[in-house]
Amino acid sequence: MLYKTEPKILAEIIEPPNTVINSLWDSIKKSTIPYNKNLSGQIEKELVLDGENESIRQYFNSLIISSKLAENRIRRLSELWQAIDNKRNLPDIYLGDMWVNFQKKHEYNPPHTHTGIFSFVIFLQIPYYNKDESKISNSVNSRKSLNGNFCLIDLSLDAYDHNFEVDKSWEGKGFFFSSDQIHCVYPFYSSNEERITVSGNIYFK
């Protein structure tokens, strides 16, 4: 779990079970519809995924129940909702849009947020190691190598960025975060293979 200052949580690290990972790969094999116009990524190949698989939906339903980040955000939203209309409860939550990014060398995702209440990213294939990215000429003399990193950006008064050296060792893991959390992905340079990630958003009905 990643804390900025109590009680704010920027994101939670997740590790879906193999049944979910396998279901995501199966969905990727069937994906053909481009999703680029709905996304911020400077990435050539981004495709819609079908999120109706039962194991995928059950995983995210259970994640929301157990997540401290989700508990805090839902509590704040509930308080706001009650202030507006104290006769109604918050609507149910559901898994909405989901997509896969096939990121190539030099492509990147600029700082952005998502729609919805919660969002996630799962790293299925990362074709590089951080130690190799740090040896690239644009990074070798820098104070810190950012090549290939995943970054959470905090704009609070005492803000600082959380850069994660997401490489091959992160395959099968990911992040769960509030949809308004600013984040970005830096380009990688040391591999000609694709970096394959699945992202999605969770909404109120």
N, C-alpha and C. Protein backbone atom coordinates (compact mmCIF):
# COMPACT_ATOMS: atom_id res chain seq x y z
N MET A 1 0.85 -1.19 0.00
CA MET A 1 0.00 0.00 0.00
C MET A 1 0.88 1.24 0.00
N LEU A 2 0.52 2.25 -0.77
CA LEU A 2 1.36 3.42 -0.95
C LEU A 2 0.73 4.63 -0.28
N TYR A 3 1.39 5.17 0.76
CA TYR A 3 0.86 6.32 1.48
C TYR A 3 1.65 7.57 1.12
N LYS A 4 0.94 8.68 0.91
CA LYS A 4 1.61 9.98 0.79
C LYS A 4 1.69 10.57 2.20
N THR A 5 0.61 11.05 2.72
CA THR A 5 0.51 11.44 4.11
C THR A 5 -0.81 10.88 4.62
N GLU A 6 -0.85 10.42 5.84
CA GLU A 6 -2.09 9.86 6.39
C GLU A 6 -3.21 10.89 6.32
N PRO A 7 -4.46 10.47 5.96
CA PRO A 7 -4.84 9.11 5.59
C PRO A 7 -4.92 8.93 4.08
N LYS A 8 -4.31 9.82 3.30
CA LYS A 8 -4.43 9.73 1.84
C LYS A 8 -3.62 8.57 1.29
N ILE A 9 -4.25 7.77 0.43
CA ILE A 9 -3.59 6.67 -0.23
C ILE A 9 -3.60 6.94 -1.73
N LEU A 10 -2.44 7.00 -2.34
CA LEU A 10 -2.36 7.28 -3.77
C LEU A 10 -2.78 6.07 -4.60
N ALA A 11 -2.35 4.89 -4.20
CA ALA A 11 -2.65 3.67 -4.96
C ALA A 11 -2.36 2.46 -4.10
N GLU A 12 -2.86 1.32 -4.54
CA GLU A 12 -2.55 0.05 -3.90
C GLU A 12 -1.99 -0.90 -4.95
N ILE A 13 -0.95 -1.63 -4.58
CA ILE A 13 -0.39 -2.64 -5.47
C ILE A 13 -1.29 -3.86 -5.43
N ILE A 14 -1.63 -4.39 -6.62
CA ILE A 14 -2.49 -5.56 -6.71
C ILE A 14 -1.74 -6.69 -7.43
N GLU A 15 -2.18 -7.92 -7.16
CA GLU A 15 -1.61 -9.10 -7.82
C GLU A 15 -2.75 -10.08 -8.09
N PRO A 16 -3.45 -9.91 -9.21
CA PRO A 16 -4.59 -10.76 -9.51
C PRO A 16 -4.20 -12.24 -9.61
N PRO A 17 -5.10 -13.15 -9.27
CA PRO A 17 -4.81 -14.59 -9.39
C PRO A 17 -4.65 -15.01 -10.85
N ASN A 18 -4.07 -16.18 -11.04
CA ASN A 18 -3.81 -16.65 -12.40
C ASN A 18 -5.08 -16.79 -13.23
N THR A 19 -6.21 -17.10 -12.58
CA THR A 19 -7.47 -17.23 -13.33
C THR A 19 -7.82 -15.91 -14.00
N VAL A 20 -7.59 -14.80 -13.31
CA VAL A 20 -7.87 -13.47 -13.87
C VAL A 20 -6.86 -13.14 -14.97
N ILE A 21 -5.58 -13.40 -14.72
CA ILE A 21 -4.55 -13.13 -15.73
C ILE A 21 -4.83 -13.92 -17.00
N ASN A 22 -5.19 -15.20 -16.86
CA ASN A 22 -5.48 -16.02 -18.03
C ASN A 22 -6.71 -15.52 -18.77
N SER A 23 -7.72 -15.07 -18.03
CA SER A 23 -8.92 -14.53 -18.66
C SER A 23 -8.61 -13.25 -19.43
N LEU A 24 -7.71 -12.44 -18.90
CA LEU A 24 -7.31 -11.22 -19.61
C LEU A 24 -6.60 -11.56 -20.92
N TRP A 25 -5.70 -12.54 -20.88
CA TRP A 25 -5.02 -12.95 -22.10
C TRP A 25 -6.01 -13.49 -23.13
N ASP A 26 -7.00 -14.26 -22.67
CA ASP A 26 -8.03 -14.78 -23.58
C ASP A 26 -8.81 -13.64 -24.22
N SER A 27 -9.13 -12.63 -23.41
CA SER A 27 -9.87 -11.48 -23.94
C SER A 27 -9.03 -10.70 -24.94
N ILE A 28 -7.74 -10.59 -24.69
CA ILE A 28 -6.84 -9.88 -25.60
C ILE A 28 -6.80 -10.56 -26.97
N LYS A 29 -6.81 -11.90 -26.97
CA LYS A 29 -6.76 -12.64 -28.23
C LYS A 29 -7.97 -12.33 -29.12
N LYS A 30 -9.09 -11.95 -28.49
CA LYS A 30 -10.33 -11.68 -29.24
C LYS A 30 -10.50 -10.20 -29.57
N SER A 31 -9.62 -9.35 -29.06
CA SER A 31 -9.81 -7.90 -29.22
C SER A 31 -9.37 -7.43 -30.59
N THR A 32 -10.20 -6.60 -31.22
CA THR A 32 -9.90 -6.07 -32.56
C THR A 32 -10.26 -4.60 -32.72
N ILE A 33 -11.05 -4.03 -31.78
CA ILE A 33 -11.59 -2.68 -31.94
C ILE A 33 -10.65 -1.64 -31.33
N PRO A 34 -10.17 -0.69 -32.13
CA PRO A 34 -9.28 0.37 -31.59
C PRO A 34 -9.99 1.22 -30.54
N TYR A 35 -9.21 1.67 -29.55
CA TYR A 35 -9.76 2.51 -28.47
C TYR A 35 -8.99 3.80 -28.32
N ASN A 36 -8.08 4.07 -29.25
CA ASN A 36 -7.16 5.20 -29.12
C ASN A 36 -7.85 6.54 -28.90
N LYS A 37 -8.96 6.77 -29.58
CA LYS A 37 -9.61 8.08 -29.51
C LYS A 37 -10.22 8.37 -28.14
N ASN A 38 -10.30 7.36 -27.30
CA ASN A 38 -10.82 7.55 -25.94
C ASN A 38 -9.70 7.68 -24.91
N LEU A 39 -8.45 7.59 -25.35
CA LEU A 39 -7.32 7.50 -24.42
C LEU A 39 -6.29 8.60 -24.68
N SER A 40 -5.42 8.80 -23.67
CA SER A 40 -4.38 9.83 -23.76
C SER A 40 -3.07 9.30 -24.32
N GLY A 41 -2.92 7.99 -24.33
CA GLY A 41 -1.65 7.39 -24.69
C GLY A 41 -1.15 7.74 -26.08
N GLN A 42 0.14 8.01 -26.18
CA GLN A 42 0.80 8.21 -27.46
C GLN A 42 1.30 6.84 -27.92
N ILE A 43 0.31 5.97 -28.15
CA ILE A 43 0.56 4.55 -28.41
C ILE A 43 -0.25 4.15 -29.64
N GLU A 44 0.40 3.48 -30.57
CA GLU A 44 -0.26 3.15 -31.83
C GLU A 44 -1.39 2.14 -31.67
N LYS A 45 -1.19 1.13 -30.83
CA LYS A 45 -2.16 0.03 -30.75
C LYS A 45 -2.78 -0.05 -29.36
N GLU A 46 -4.04 0.36 -29.25
CA GLU A 46 -4.80 0.30 -28.01
C GLU A 46 -6.19 -0.24 -28.38
N LEU A 47 -6.61 -1.36 -27.77
CA LEU A 47 -7.83 -2.06 -28.17
C LEU A 47 -8.80 -2.24 -27.01
N VAL A 48 -10.09 -2.22 -27.33
CA VAL A 48 -11.14 -2.47 -26.33
C VAL A 48 -11.10 -3.93 -25.90
N LEU A 49 -11.36 -4.17 -24.60
CA LEU A 49 -11.48 -5.52 -24.07
C LEU A 49 -12.88 -5.76 -23.53
N ASP A 50 -13.31 -7.00 -23.59
CA ASP A 50 -14.59 -7.40 -23.02
C ASP A 50 -14.41 -7.68 -21.54
N GLY A 51 -15.12 -6.94 -20.69
CA GLY A 51 -15.00 -7.10 -19.24
C GLY A 51 -16.09 -7.94 -18.63
N GLU A 52 -16.81 -8.69 -19.45
CA GLU A 52 -17.94 -9.47 -18.94
C GLU A 52 -17.54 -10.82 -18.36
N ASN A 53 -16.28 -11.18 -18.45
CA ASN A 53 -15.82 -12.44 -17.89
C ASN A 53 -16.09 -12.49 -16.39
N GLU A 54 -16.64 -13.60 -15.91
CA GLU A 54 -17.06 -13.71 -14.52
C GLU A 54 -15.89 -13.60 -13.54
N SER A 55 -14.76 -14.25 -13.86
CA SER A 55 -13.62 -14.22 -12.94
C SER A 55 -13.05 -12.81 -12.81
N ILE A 56 -13.08 -12.04 -13.91
CA ILE A 56 -12.59 -10.66 -13.88
C ILE A 56 -13.50 -9.80 -13.02
N ARG A 57 -14.81 -9.91 -13.24
CA ARG A 57 -15.76 -9.10 -12.48
C ARG A 57 -15.73 -9.46 -10.99
N GLN A 58 -15.64 -10.74 -10.68
CA GLN A 58 -15.60 -11.17 -9.28
C GLN A 58 -14.35 -10.66 -8.58
N TYR A 59 -13.23 -10.66 -9.31
CA TYR A 59 -11.99 -10.19 -8.71
C TYR A 59 -12.10 -8.73 -8.30
N PHE A 60 -12.61 -7.89 -9.20
CA PHE A 60 -12.69 -6.46 -8.88
C PHE A 60 -13.78 -6.16 -7.85
N ASN A 61 -14.84 -6.95 -7.83
CA ASN A 61 -15.84 -6.79 -6.78
C ASN A 61 -15.23 -7.07 -5.41
N SER A 62 -14.45 -8.14 -5.30
CA SER A 62 -13.82 -8.48 -4.03
C SER A 62 -12.73 -7.49 -3.66
N LEU A 63 -12.03 -6.96 -4.68
CA LEU A 63 -10.98 -5.98 -4.43
C LEU A 63 -11.56 -4.71 -3.80
N ILE A 64 -12.68 -4.26 -4.32
CA ILE A 64 -13.31 -3.05 -3.79
C ILE A 64 -13.74 -3.26 -2.34
N ILE A 65 -14.22 -4.46 -2.02
CA ILE A 65 -14.66 -4.75 -0.65
C ILE A 65 -13.48 -4.73 0.33
N SER A 66 -12.32 -5.22 -0.11
CA SER A 66 -11.17 -5.36 0.79
C SER A 66 -10.21 -4.16 0.76
N SER A 67 -10.38 -3.25 -0.20
CA SER A 67 -9.43 -2.16 -0.41
C SER A 67 -9.65 -1.02 0.58
N LYS A 68 -8.57 -0.61 1.25
CA LYS A 68 -8.63 0.54 2.14
C LYS A 68 -8.82 1.82 1.33
N LEU A 69 -8.18 1.89 0.17
CA LEU A 69 -8.35 3.06 -0.71
C LEU A 69 -9.82 3.21 -1.11
N ALA A 70 -10.44 2.09 -1.51
CA ALA A 70 -11.84 2.14 -1.91
C ALA A 70 -12.73 2.52 -0.74
N GLU A 71 -12.43 1.97 0.44
CA GLU A 71 -13.23 2.29 1.63
C GLU A 71 -13.20 3.79 1.92
N ASN A 72 -12.00 4.39 1.87
CA ASN A 72 -11.87 5.81 2.16
C ASN A 72 -12.60 6.67 1.13
N ARG A 73 -12.46 6.33 -0.14
CA ARG A 73 -13.07 7.13 -1.20
C ARG A 73 -14.60 7.01 -1.18
N ILE A 74 -15.09 5.80 -0.98
CA ILE A 74 -16.54 5.59 -0.94
C ILE A 74 -17.14 6.31 0.26
N ARG A 75 -16.42 6.31 1.38
CA ARG A 75 -16.92 7.02 2.56
C ARG A 75 -17.03 8.51 2.29
N ARG A 76 -16.01 9.10 1.66
CA ARG A 76 -16.05 10.53 1.35
C ARG A 76 -17.16 10.85 0.36
N LEU A 77 -17.31 10.00 -0.65
CA LEU A 77 -18.36 10.22 -1.65
C LEU A 77 -19.74 10.05 -1.04
N SER A 78 -19.86 9.11 -0.10
CA SER A 78 -21.13 8.88 0.56
C SER A 78 -21.54 10.09 1.40
N GLU A 79 -20.56 10.66 2.10
CA GLU A 79 -20.83 11.86 2.90
C GLU A 79 -21.29 13.01 2.02
N LEU A 80 -20.64 13.18 0.87
CA LEU A 80 -21.02 14.22 -0.07
C LEU A 80 -22.41 13.95 -0.63
N TRP A 81 -22.66 12.70 -0.98
CA TRP A 81 -23.96 12.31 -1.54
C TRP A 81 -25.09 12.57 -0.54
N GLN A 82 -24.84 12.22 0.72
CA GLN A 82 -25.86 12.41 1.76
C GLN A 82 -26.13 13.90 1.98
N ALA A 83 -25.09 14.72 1.83
CA ALA A 83 -25.28 16.17 1.99
C ALA A 83 -26.17 16.73 0.88
N ILE A 84 -26.09 16.09 -0.30
CA ILE A 84 -26.91 16.55 -1.43
C ILE A 84 -28.32 15.97 -1.35
N ASP A 85 -28.43 14.68 -1.03
CA ASP A 85 -29.73 14.00 -0.99
C ASP A 85 -29.68 12.91 0.06
N ASN A 86 -30.13 13.23 1.28
CA ASN A 86 -30.01 12.28 2.39
C ASN A 86 -31.04 11.15 2.35
N LYS A 87 -31.84 11.10 1.31
CA LYS A 87 -32.84 10.04 1.20
C LYS A 87 -32.39 8.92 0.26
N ARG A 88 -31.23 9.08 -0.34
CA ARG A 88 -30.75 8.09 -1.29
C ARG A 88 -29.36 7.61 -0.91
N ASN A 89 -29.11 6.30 -1.12
CA ASN A 89 -27.80 5.72 -0.92
C ASN A 89 -26.98 5.84 -2.21
N LEU A 90 -25.67 5.64 -2.08
CA LEU A 90 -24.83 5.64 -3.26
C LEU A 90 -25.26 4.53 -4.21
N PRO A 91 -25.18 4.77 -5.52
CA PRO A 91 -25.50 3.72 -6.49
C PRO A 91 -24.52 2.55 -6.39
N ASP A 92 -24.89 1.41 -6.97
CA ASP A 92 -23.99 0.27 -7.03
C ASP A 92 -22.80 0.60 -7.93
N ILE A 93 -21.74 -0.19 -7.78
CA ILE A 93 -20.51 0.00 -8.55
C ILE A 93 -20.37 -1.14 -9.56
N TYR A 94 -19.83 -0.82 -10.74
CA TYR A 94 -19.64 -1.86 -11.75
C TYR A 94 -18.37 -1.60 -12.56
N LEU A 95 -17.82 -2.67 -13.13
CA LEU A 95 -16.66 -2.57 -14.00
C LEU A 95 -17.12 -2.10 -15.37
N GLY A 96 -16.60 -0.95 -15.81
CA GLY A 96 -17.02 -0.37 -17.08
C GLY A 96 -16.06 -0.69 -18.20
N ASP A 97 -15.47 0.33 -18.81
CA ASP A 97 -14.58 0.10 -19.95
C ASP A 97 -13.25 -0.50 -19.51
N MET A 98 -12.71 -1.33 -20.40
CA MET A 98 -11.43 -1.98 -20.17
C MET A 98 -10.71 -2.08 -21.51
N TRP A 99 -9.39 -1.91 -21.50
CA TRP A 99 -8.63 -1.90 -22.76
C TRP A 99 -7.22 -2.43 -22.55
N VAL A 100 -6.58 -2.75 -23.66
CA VAL A 100 -5.20 -3.24 -23.63
C VAL A 100 -4.32 -2.30 -24.42
N ASN A 101 -3.15 -1.99 -23.87
CA ASN A 101 -2.14 -1.17 -24.54
C ASN A 101 -0.99 -2.06 -25.00
N PHE A 102 -0.63 -1.95 -26.27
CA PHE A 102 0.56 -2.61 -26.81
C PHE A 102 1.60 -1.52 -27.04
N GLN A 103 2.35 -1.21 -26.01
CA GLN A 103 3.29 -0.09 -26.07
C GLN A 103 4.62 -0.53 -26.67
N LYS A 104 5.06 0.18 -27.69
CA LYS A 104 6.34 -0.11 -28.34
C LYS A 104 7.43 0.83 -27.79
N LYS A 105 8.65 0.45 -28.12
CA LYS A 105 9.80 1.30 -27.79
C LYS A 105 9.53 2.74 -28.24
N HIS A 106 9.83 3.71 -27.37
CA HIS A 106 9.70 5.16 -27.60
C HIS A 106 8.28 5.68 -27.38
N GLU A 107 7.26 4.82 -27.33
CA GLU A 107 5.90 5.28 -27.06
C GLU A 107 5.73 5.53 -25.56
N TYR A 108 4.68 6.30 -25.21
CA TYR A 108 4.53 6.67 -23.80
C TYR A 108 3.09 7.08 -23.50
N ASN A 109 2.79 7.17 -22.22
CA ASN A 109 1.50 7.69 -21.74
C ASN A 109 1.78 8.96 -20.95
N PRO A 110 1.32 10.12 -21.43
CA PRO A 110 1.58 11.38 -20.72
C PRO A 110 0.77 11.46 -19.43
N PRO A 111 1.05 12.42 -18.56
CA PRO A 111 0.26 12.58 -17.34
C PRO A 111 -1.22 12.73 -17.66
N HIS A 112 -2.06 11.93 -17.01
CA HIS A 112 -3.49 11.94 -17.30
C HIS A 112 -4.26 11.34 -16.13
N THR A 113 -5.57 11.51 -16.17
CA THR A 113 -6.48 10.86 -15.23
C THR A 113 -7.47 10.03 -16.04
N HIS A 114 -8.35 9.32 -15.32
CA HIS A 114 -9.36 8.50 -15.98
C HIS A 114 -10.76 8.98 -15.59
N THR A 115 -11.75 8.44 -16.27
CA THR A 115 -13.14 8.64 -15.86
C THR A 115 -13.51 7.56 -14.85
N GLY A 116 -14.67 7.73 -14.19
CA GLY A 116 -15.13 6.73 -13.24
C GLY A 116 -14.78 7.08 -11.81
N ILE A 117 -14.84 6.07 -10.95
CA ILE A 117 -14.55 6.22 -9.51
C ILE A 117 -13.19 5.63 -9.18
N PHE A 118 -12.94 4.43 -9.69
CA PHE A 118 -11.66 3.75 -9.50
C PHE A 118 -11.11 3.30 -10.85
N SER A 119 -9.79 3.15 -10.90
CA SER A 119 -9.13 2.66 -12.11
C SER A 119 -8.03 1.68 -11.72
N PHE A 120 -7.53 0.98 -12.72
CA PHE A 120 -6.47 0.01 -12.46
C PHE A 120 -5.60 -0.16 -13.69
N VAL A 121 -4.41 -0.67 -13.48
CA VAL A 121 -3.53 -1.11 -14.55
C VAL A 121 -2.89 -2.42 -14.10
N ILE A 122 -2.82 -3.37 -15.03
CA ILE A 122 -2.20 -4.67 -14.75
C ILE A 122 -1.11 -4.89 -15.80
N PHE A 123 0.09 -5.22 -15.34
CA PHE A 123 1.24 -5.41 -16.22
C PHE A 123 1.32 -6.88 -16.63
N LEU A 124 0.99 -7.17 -17.88
CA LEU A 124 1.00 -8.55 -18.35
C LEU A 124 2.34 -8.94 -18.97
N GLN A 125 2.93 -8.03 -19.72
CA GLN A 125 4.23 -8.30 -20.34
C GLN A 125 5.08 -7.03 -20.31
N ILE A 126 6.22 -7.12 -19.65
CA ILE A 126 7.18 -6.01 -19.60
C ILE A 126 8.49 -6.55 -20.18
N PRO A 127 8.89 -6.09 -21.36
CA PRO A 127 10.01 -6.73 -22.07
C PRO A 127 11.39 -6.19 -21.72
N TYR A 128 11.54 -5.58 -20.58
CA TYR A 128 12.83 -4.99 -20.23
C TYR A 128 13.07 -5.06 -18.72
N TYR A 129 14.32 -4.87 -18.35
CA TYR A 129 14.72 -4.75 -16.95
C TYR A 129 15.20 -3.33 -16.70
N ASN A 130 14.95 -2.83 -15.51
CA ASN A 130 15.34 -1.46 -15.17
C ASN A 130 16.85 -1.25 -15.32
N LYS A 131 17.63 -2.27 -14.98
CA LYS A 131 19.09 -2.11 -15.06
C LYS A 131 19.56 -1.84 -16.49
N ASP A 132 18.83 -2.39 -17.47
CA ASP A 132 19.18 -2.14 -18.87
C ASP A 132 18.70 -0.75 -19.32
N GLU A 133 17.53 -0.34 -18.84
CA GLU A 133 17.01 0.98 -19.18
C GLU A 133 17.90 2.09 -18.62
N SER A 134 18.48 1.85 -17.47
CA SER A 134 19.32 2.87 -16.84
C SER A 134 20.66 3.05 -17.55
N LYS A 135 20.99 2.12 -18.45
CA LYS A 135 22.25 2.21 -19.20
C LYS A 135 22.09 2.91 -20.54
N ILE A 136 20.84 3.28 -20.89
CA ILE A 136 20.60 3.96 -22.16
C ILE A 136 21.22 5.36 -22.10
N SER A 137 21.71 5.86 -23.22
CA SER A 137 22.49 7.10 -23.24
C SER A 137 21.73 8.30 -22.68
N ASN A 138 20.39 8.35 -22.86
CA ASN A 138 19.64 9.51 -22.37
C ASN A 138 19.50 9.50 -20.85
N SER A 139 19.89 8.39 -20.22
CA SER A 139 19.65 8.24 -18.78
C SER A 139 20.92 8.01 -17.97
N VAL A 140 21.97 7.58 -18.64
CA VAL A 140 23.15 7.11 -17.92
C VAL A 140 23.78 8.18 -17.03
N ASN A 141 23.69 9.45 -17.43
CA ASN A 141 24.28 10.53 -16.63
C ASN A 141 23.25 11.34 -15.86
N SER A 142 22.00 10.89 -15.85
CA SER A 142 20.94 11.61 -15.14
C SER A 142 20.99 11.33 -13.65
N ARG A 143 20.39 12.24 -12.89
CA ARG A 143 20.31 12.04 -11.44
C ARG A 143 19.54 10.77 -11.11
N LYS A 144 18.49 10.48 -11.89
CA LYS A 144 17.71 9.27 -11.68
C LYS A 144 17.16 8.81 -13.03
N SER A 145 17.27 7.53 -13.31
CA SER A 145 16.72 6.99 -14.54
C SER A 145 15.21 6.85 -14.42
N LEU A 146 14.48 7.37 -15.42
CA LEU A 146 13.03 7.26 -15.45
C LEU A 146 12.55 6.39 -16.61
N ASN A 147 13.45 5.92 -17.42
CA ASN A 147 13.06 5.11 -18.58
C ASN A 147 12.21 3.91 -18.16
N GLY A 148 11.03 3.78 -18.78
CA GLY A 148 10.16 2.65 -18.51
C GLY A 148 9.39 2.71 -17.21
N ASN A 149 9.55 3.78 -16.43
CA ASN A 149 8.90 3.85 -15.12
C ASN A 149 7.42 4.17 -15.21
N PHE A 150 6.69 3.73 -14.18
CA PHE A 150 5.30 4.12 -13.96
C PHE A 150 5.31 5.15 -12.84
N CYS A 151 4.59 6.26 -13.03
CA CYS A 151 4.68 7.38 -12.08
C CYS A 151 3.30 7.80 -11.59
N LEU A 152 3.15 7.94 -10.27
CA LEU A 152 1.98 8.55 -9.64
C LEU A 152 2.34 9.97 -9.26
N ILE A 153 1.50 10.92 -9.66
CA ILE A 153 1.81 12.33 -9.46
C ILE A 153 0.84 12.92 -8.44
N ASP A 154 1.39 13.56 -7.41
CA ASP A 154 0.58 14.16 -6.35
C ASP A 154 0.73 15.68 -6.44
N LEU A 155 -0.40 16.38 -6.52
CA LEU A 155 -0.38 17.83 -6.66
C LEU A 155 -0.71 18.56 -5.35
N SER A 156 -0.65 17.88 -4.23
CA SER A 156 -0.90 18.54 -2.95
C SER A 156 0.26 19.48 -2.62
N LEU A 157 0.10 20.27 -1.56
CA LEU A 157 1.09 21.31 -1.24
C LEU A 157 2.48 20.74 -0.98
N ASP A 158 2.55 19.56 -0.37
CA ASP A 158 3.85 18.95 -0.10
C ASP A 158 4.10 17.82 -1.10
N ALA A 159 3.74 18.07 -2.34
CA ALA A 159 3.72 17.03 -3.37
C ALA A 159 5.11 16.56 -3.75
N TYR A 160 5.15 15.30 -4.11
CA TYR A 160 6.30 14.74 -4.81
C TYR A 160 5.80 13.53 -5.57
N ASP A 161 6.55 13.15 -6.61
CA ASP A 161 6.13 12.06 -7.47
C ASP A 161 6.64 10.73 -6.95
N HIS A 162 5.84 9.70 -7.17
CA HIS A 162 6.24 8.33 -6.85
C HIS A 162 6.58 7.63 -8.15
N ASN A 163 7.84 7.39 -8.39
CA ASN A 163 8.28 6.69 -9.59
C ASN A 163 8.58 5.23 -9.26
N PHE A 164 7.96 4.33 -10.02
CA PHE A 164 8.14 2.91 -9.78
C PHE A 164 8.88 2.28 -10.94
N GLU A 165 9.94 1.57 -10.62
CA GLU A 165 10.77 0.93 -11.63
C GLU A 165 10.08 -0.36 -12.09
N VAL A 166 9.01 -0.17 -12.85
CA VAL A 166 8.22 -1.30 -13.32
C VAL A 166 8.94 -1.97 -14.48
N ASP A 167 9.43 -3.18 -14.24
CA ASP A 167 10.10 -3.93 -15.29
C ASP A 167 9.57 -5.36 -15.30
N LYS A 168 10.30 -6.29 -15.88
CA LYS A 168 9.81 -7.66 -16.05
C LYS A 168 9.41 -8.31 -14.72
N SER A 169 10.03 -7.90 -13.63
CA SER A 169 9.71 -8.46 -12.33
C SER A 169 8.30 -8.10 -11.86
N TRP A 170 7.65 -7.15 -12.53
CA TRP A 170 6.29 -6.72 -12.17
C TRP A 170 5.22 -7.45 -12.96
N GLU A 171 5.57 -8.34 -13.84
CA GLU A 171 4.56 -9.03 -14.64
C GLU A 171 3.58 -9.77 -13.74
N GLY A 172 2.27 -9.59 -13.99
CA GLY A 172 1.23 -10.20 -13.17
C GLY A 172 0.79 -9.33 -12.02
N LYS A 173 1.42 -8.17 -11.86
CA LYS A 173 1.05 -7.23 -10.80
C LYS A 173 0.47 -5.96 -11.41
N GLY A 174 0.05 -5.02 -10.56
CA GLY A 174 -0.49 -3.77 -11.08
C GLY A 174 -0.79 -2.79 -9.97
N PHE A 175 -1.56 -1.76 -10.32
CA PHE A 175 -1.97 -0.73 -9.38
C PHE A 175 -3.47 -0.52 -9.45
N PHE A 176 -4.06 -0.26 -8.30
CA PHE A 176 -5.48 0.11 -8.16
C PHE A 176 -5.50 1.50 -7.53
N PHE A 177 -6.24 2.45 -8.14
CA PHE A 177 -6.18 3.83 -7.67
C PHE A 177 -7.47 4.57 -7.99
N SER A 178 -7.66 5.72 -7.38
CA SER A 178 -8.81 6.57 -7.69
C SER A 178 -8.67 7.09 -9.11
N SER A 179 -9.79 7.20 -9.81
CA SER A 179 -9.73 7.57 -11.23
C SER A 179 -9.18 8.97 -11.46
N ASP A 180 -9.24 9.83 -10.44
CA ASP A 180 -8.70 11.19 -10.60
C ASP A 180 -7.22 11.29 -10.22
N GLN A 181 -6.59 10.15 -9.92
CA GLN A 181 -5.16 10.13 -9.61
C GLN A 181 -4.34 10.34 -10.88
N ILE A 182 -3.54 11.39 -10.93
CA ILE A 182 -2.71 11.65 -12.10
C ILE A 182 -1.56 10.63 -12.15
N HIS A 183 -1.33 10.08 -13.33
CA HIS A 183 -0.26 9.11 -13.49
C HIS A 183 0.26 9.17 -14.92
N CYS A 184 1.42 8.57 -15.14
CA CYS A 184 2.01 8.55 -16.47
C CYS A 184 2.94 7.36 -16.61
N VAL A 185 3.31 7.06 -17.85
CA VAL A 185 4.26 5.98 -18.14
C VAL A 185 5.34 6.52 -19.06
N TYR A 186 6.59 6.39 -18.63
CA TYR A 186 7.71 6.87 -19.43
C TYR A 186 8.07 5.85 -20.52
N PRO A 187 8.62 6.32 -21.64
CA PRO A 187 9.01 5.38 -22.71
C PRO A 187 10.17 4.49 -22.30
N PHE A 188 10.25 3.33 -22.93
CA PHE A 188 11.40 2.44 -22.73
C PHE A 188 12.19 2.37 -24.03
N TYR A 189 13.43 1.87 -23.97
CA TYR A 189 14.34 1.93 -25.11
C TYR A 189 15.13 0.64 -25.36
N SER A 190 15.19 -0.26 -24.40
CA SER A 190 16.14 -1.37 -24.48
C SER A 190 15.59 -2.63 -25.12
N SER A 191 14.32 -2.63 -25.54
CA SER A 191 13.73 -3.83 -26.12
C SER A 191 12.88 -3.48 -27.34
N ASN A 192 12.82 -4.39 -28.29
CA ASN A 192 11.97 -4.22 -29.47
C ASN A 192 10.63 -4.96 -29.31
N GLU A 193 10.43 -5.60 -28.19
CA GLU A 193 9.16 -6.27 -27.93
C GLU A 193 8.16 -5.27 -27.34
N GLU A 194 6.90 -5.68 -27.26
CA GLU A 194 5.84 -4.81 -26.77
C GLU A 194 5.66 -4.93 -25.26
N ARG A 195 5.34 -3.82 -24.66
CA ARG A 195 4.92 -3.76 -23.25
C ARG A 195 3.39 -3.84 -23.25
N ILE A 196 2.84 -4.94 -22.71
CA ILE A 196 1.40 -5.18 -22.79
C ILE A 196 0.77 -4.99 -21.42
N THR A 197 -0.16 -4.04 -21.33
CA THR A 197 -0.83 -3.76 -20.07
C THR A 197 -2.34 -3.66 -20.30
N VAL A 198 -3.09 -4.03 -19.27
CA VAL A 198 -4.55 -3.89 -19.30
C VAL A 198 -4.95 -2.84 -18.28
N SER A 199 -5.83 -1.94 -18.70
CA SER A 199 -6.35 -0.91 -17.79
C SER A 199 -7.86 -0.88 -17.88
N GLY A 200 -8.48 -0.29 -16.88
CA GLY A 200 -9.93 -0.18 -16.89
C GLY A 200 -10.44 0.77 -15.82
N ASN A 201 -11.72 1.05 -15.89
CA ASN A 201 -12.37 1.98 -14.97
C ASN A 201 -13.60 1.34 -14.33
N ILE A 202 -13.85 1.74 -13.10
CA ILE A 202 -14.99 1.26 -12.33
C ILE A 202 -15.89 2.45 -12.03
N TYR A 203 -17.20 2.28 -12.25
CA TYR A 203 -18.15 3.39 -12.21
C TYR A 203 -19.28 3.12 -11.22
N PHE A 204 -20.02 4.20 -10.89
CA PHE A 204 -21.33 4.06 -10.27
C PHE A 204 -22.36 3.79 -11.36
N LYS A 205 -23.35 2.94 -11.07
CA LYS A 205 -24.42 2.69 -12.04
C LYS A 205 -25.36 3.88 -12.11
